[in-house]
Amino acid sequence: MTSLAYTEYDGPFVRDVHVDEAHVTFELADGRVISAPLDWYPRLKKGTAEQRGRWRLIGGGEGVHWPDVDEDISAEGMLAGGAAPPGSADWRSPMLES
């Protein structure tokens, strides 16, 4: 018989966030600083500086949520090089829209 045991999350935790015109940067609890191009997150890029500055930690620091632009980025996703999914509406080419 097998059972699923709850294991506590052992991944990276975000401590602080900085967003500028080119990058999203996470300061992690273990001292690492990771960054990704803002171009990877179209909804966040389209937001104003004020909207990008309004964020909250989610999952105890597993990720970050920007309520004004409805964007979520996990620390694990950023470490893995995970951009916003290409299938999202924000990645559609204007030429393909009718």
C-alpha atoms as a PDB file:
ATOM      1  CA  MET A   1       0.000   0.000   0.000  1.00  0.00           C
ATOM      2  CA  THR A   2       1.304   3.426  -0.858  1.00  0.00           C
ATOM      3  CA  SER A   3       0.257   6.716   0.585  1.00  0.00           C
ATOM      4  CA  LEU A   4       0.951  10.303  -0.212  1.00  0.00           C
ATOM      5  CA  ALA A   5       2.755  12.029   2.590  1.00  0.00           C
ATOM      6  CA  TYR A   6       2.680  15.785   2.947  1.00  0.00           C
ATOM      7  CA  THR A   7       6.124  17.245   2.621  1.00  0.00           C
ATOM      8  CA  GLU A   8       6.925  20.832   3.373  1.00  0.00           C
ATOM      9  CA  TYR A   9       8.004  23.023   0.496  1.00  0.00           C
ATOM     10  CA  ASP A  10      11.788  23.081   0.363  1.00  0.00           C
ATOM     11  CA  GLY A  11      12.256  25.377  -2.616  1.00  0.00           C
ATOM     12  CA  PRO A  12      13.409  28.958  -2.918  1.00  0.00           C
ATOM     13  CA  PHE A  13      11.536  31.691  -1.075  1.00  0.00           C
ATOM     14  CA  VAL A  14      11.230  35.265  -2.305  1.00  0.00           C
ATOM     15  CA  ARG A  15      12.141  37.954   0.214  1.00  0.00           C
ATOM     16  CA  ASP A  16      11.961  41.086  -1.936  1.00  0.00           C
ATOM     17  CA  VAL A  17      11.032  42.129  -5.487  1.00  0.00           C
ATOM     18  CA  HIS A  18      12.296  44.821  -7.836  1.00  0.00           C
ATOM     19  CA  VAL A  19      10.901  45.594 -11.284  1.00  0.00           C
ATOM     20  CA  ASP A  20      12.477  48.107 -13.648  1.00  0.00           C
ATOM     21  CA  GLU A  21      11.924  48.837 -17.329  1.00  0.00           C
ATOM     22  CA  ALA A  22      13.910  45.762 -18.396  1.00  0.00           C
ATOM     23  CA  HIS A  23      13.946  43.134 -15.613  1.00  0.00           C
ATOM     24  CA  VAL A  24      12.046  41.421 -12.819  1.00  0.00           C
ATOM     25  CA  THR A  25      14.395  40.669  -9.936  1.00  0.00           C
ATOM     26  CA  PHE A  26      13.767  38.503  -6.888  1.00  0.00           C
ATOM     27  CA  GLU A  27      15.907  38.581  -3.774  1.00  0.00           C
ATOM     28  CA  LEU A  28      15.651  35.122  -2.250  1.00  0.00           C
ATOM     29  CA  ALA A  29      15.711  34.243   1.435  1.00  0.00           C
ATOM     30  CA  ASP A  30      18.928  32.242   0.965  1.00  0.00           C
ATOM     31  CA  GLY A  31      20.774  35.319  -0.333  1.00  0.00           C
ATOM     32  CA  ARG A  32      20.581  34.643  -4.068  1.00  0.00           C
ATOM     33  CA  VAL A  33      19.389  37.321  -6.457  1.00  0.00           C
ATOM     34  CA  ILE A  34      17.697  36.097  -9.640  1.00  0.00           C
ATOM     35  CA  SER A  35      16.400  38.095 -12.571  1.00  0.00           C
ATOM     36  CA  ALA A  36      14.470  37.603 -15.800  1.00  0.00           C
ATOM     37  CA  PRO A  37      13.669  39.891 -18.735  1.00  0.00           C
ATOM     38  CA  LEU A  38      10.471  41.861 -18.274  1.00  0.00           C
ATOM     39  CA  ASP A  39       9.646  40.888 -21.889  1.00  0.00           C
ATOM     40  CA  TRP A  40       8.961  37.364 -20.589  1.00  0.00           C
ATOM     41  CA  TYR A  41       5.937  38.652 -18.660  1.00  0.00           C
ATOM     42  CA  PRO A  42       3.796  40.726 -21.080  1.00  0.00           C
ATOM     43  CA  ARG A  43       1.029  41.553 -18.604  1.00  0.00           C
ATOM     44  CA  LEU A  44       3.560  42.869 -16.106  1.00  0.00           C
ATOM     45  CA  LYS A  45       5.416  44.766 -18.828  1.00  0.00           C
ATOM     46  CA  LYS A  46       2.179  46.465 -19.943  1.00  0.00           C
ATOM     47  CA  GLY A  47       1.523  47.649 -16.386  1.00  0.00           C
ATOM     48  CA  THR A  48       2.561  51.023 -15.081  1.00  0.00           C
ATOM     49  CA  ALA A  49       5.499  51.454 -12.710  1.00  0.00           C
ATOM     50  CA  GLU A  50       2.948  51.969  -9.925  1.00  0.00           C
ATOM     51  CA  GLN A  51       1.140  48.712 -10.792  1.00  0.00           C
ATOM     52  CA  ARG A  52       4.438  46.817 -10.958  1.00  0.00           C
ATOM     53  CA  GLY A  53       5.306  48.184  -7.540  1.00  0.00           C
ATOM     54  CA  ARG A  54       2.131  46.738  -5.996  1.00  0.00           C
ATOM     55  CA  TRP A  55       2.935  43.096  -5.356  1.00  0.00           C
ATOM     56  CA  ARG A  56       2.466  40.568  -2.591  1.00  0.00           C
ATOM     57  CA  LEU A  57       4.155  37.310  -1.690  1.00  0.00           C
ATOM     58  CA  ILE A  58       2.086  34.180  -2.218  1.00  0.00           C
ATOM     59  CA  GLY A  59       2.563  30.714  -0.792  1.00  0.00           C
ATOM     60  CA  GLY A  60       4.665  32.045   2.054  1.00  0.00           C
ATOM     61  CA  GLY A  61       7.172  33.413  -0.440  1.00  0.00           C
ATOM     62  CA  GLU A  62       7.077  30.662  -3.069  1.00  0.00           C
ATOM     63  CA  GLY A  63       6.039  33.309  -5.563  1.00  0.00           C
ATOM     64  CA  VAL A  64       4.794  36.824  -6.184  1.00  0.00           C
ATOM     65  CA  HIS A  65       1.385  38.145  -7.268  1.00  0.00           C
ATOM     66  CA  TRP A  66       0.708  41.511  -8.930  1.00  0.00           C
ATOM     67  CA  PRO A  67      -3.047  42.068  -8.427  1.00  0.00           C
ATOM     68  CA  ASP A  68      -3.357  45.075 -10.749  1.00  0.00           C
ATOM     69  CA  VAL A  69      -2.140  43.109 -13.780  1.00  0.00           C
ATOM     70  CA  ASP A  70      -3.123  39.595 -12.597  1.00  0.00           C
ATOM     71  CA  GLU A  71       0.412  38.193 -12.912  1.00  0.00           C
ATOM     72  CA  ASP A  72       1.947  35.435 -10.794  1.00  0.00           C
ATOM     73  CA  ILE A  73       5.601  34.404 -10.947  1.00  0.00           C
ATOM     74  CA  SER A  74       7.100  31.644  -8.824  1.00  0.00           C
ATOM     75  CA  ALA A  75      10.726  31.626  -7.734  1.00  0.00           C
ATOM     76  CA  GLU A  76      11.064  28.068  -9.075  1.00  0.00           C
ATOM     77  CA  GLY A  77       9.628  29.137 -12.430  1.00  0.00           C
ATOM     78  CA  MET A  78      12.055  32.017 -12.721  1.00  0.00           C
ATOM     79  CA  LEU A  79      14.979  29.768 -11.772  1.00  0.00           C
ATOM     80  CA  ALA A  80      13.876  27.282 -14.434  1.00  0.00           C
ATOM     81  CA  GLY A  81      13.698  30.025 -17.049  1.00  0.00           C
ATOM     82  CA  GLY A  82       9.917  29.968 -17.192  1.00  0.00           C
ATOM     83  CA  ALA A  83       8.404  32.823 -19.172  1.00  0.00           C
ATOM     84  CA  ALA A  84       4.666  33.426 -19.380  1.00  0.00           C
ATOM     85  CA  PRO A  85       3.022  30.667 -21.441  1.00  0.00           C
ATOM     86  CA  PRO A  86       3.121  31.418 -25.189  1.00  0.00           C
ATOM     87  CA  GLY A  87      -0.549  30.429 -25.440  1.00  0.00           C
ATOM     88  CA  SER A  88      -1.701  33.265 -23.213  1.00  0.00           C
ATOM     89  CA  ALA A  89      -3.700  36.057 -24.786  1.00  0.00           C
ATOM     90  CA  ASP A  90      -0.903  38.535 -24.181  1.00  0.00           C
ATOM     91  CA  TRP A  91       1.449  36.578 -26.440  1.00  0.00           C
ATOM     92  CA  ARG A  92      -0.943  36.486 -29.425  1.00  0.00           C
ATOM     93  CA  SER A  93       0.167  38.337 -32.466  1.00  0.00           C
ATOM     94  CA  PRO A  94      -2.134  41.257 -33.350  1.00  0.00           C
ATOM     95  CA  MET A  95      -2.046  39.935 -36.911  1.00  0.00           C
ATOM     96  CA  LEU A  96      -3.782  36.738 -35.794  1.00  0.00           C
ATOM     97  CA  GLU A  97      -6.659  38.506 -34.062  1.00  0.00           C
ATOM     98  CA  SER A  98      -9.841  39.038 -35.999  1.00  0.00           C
END
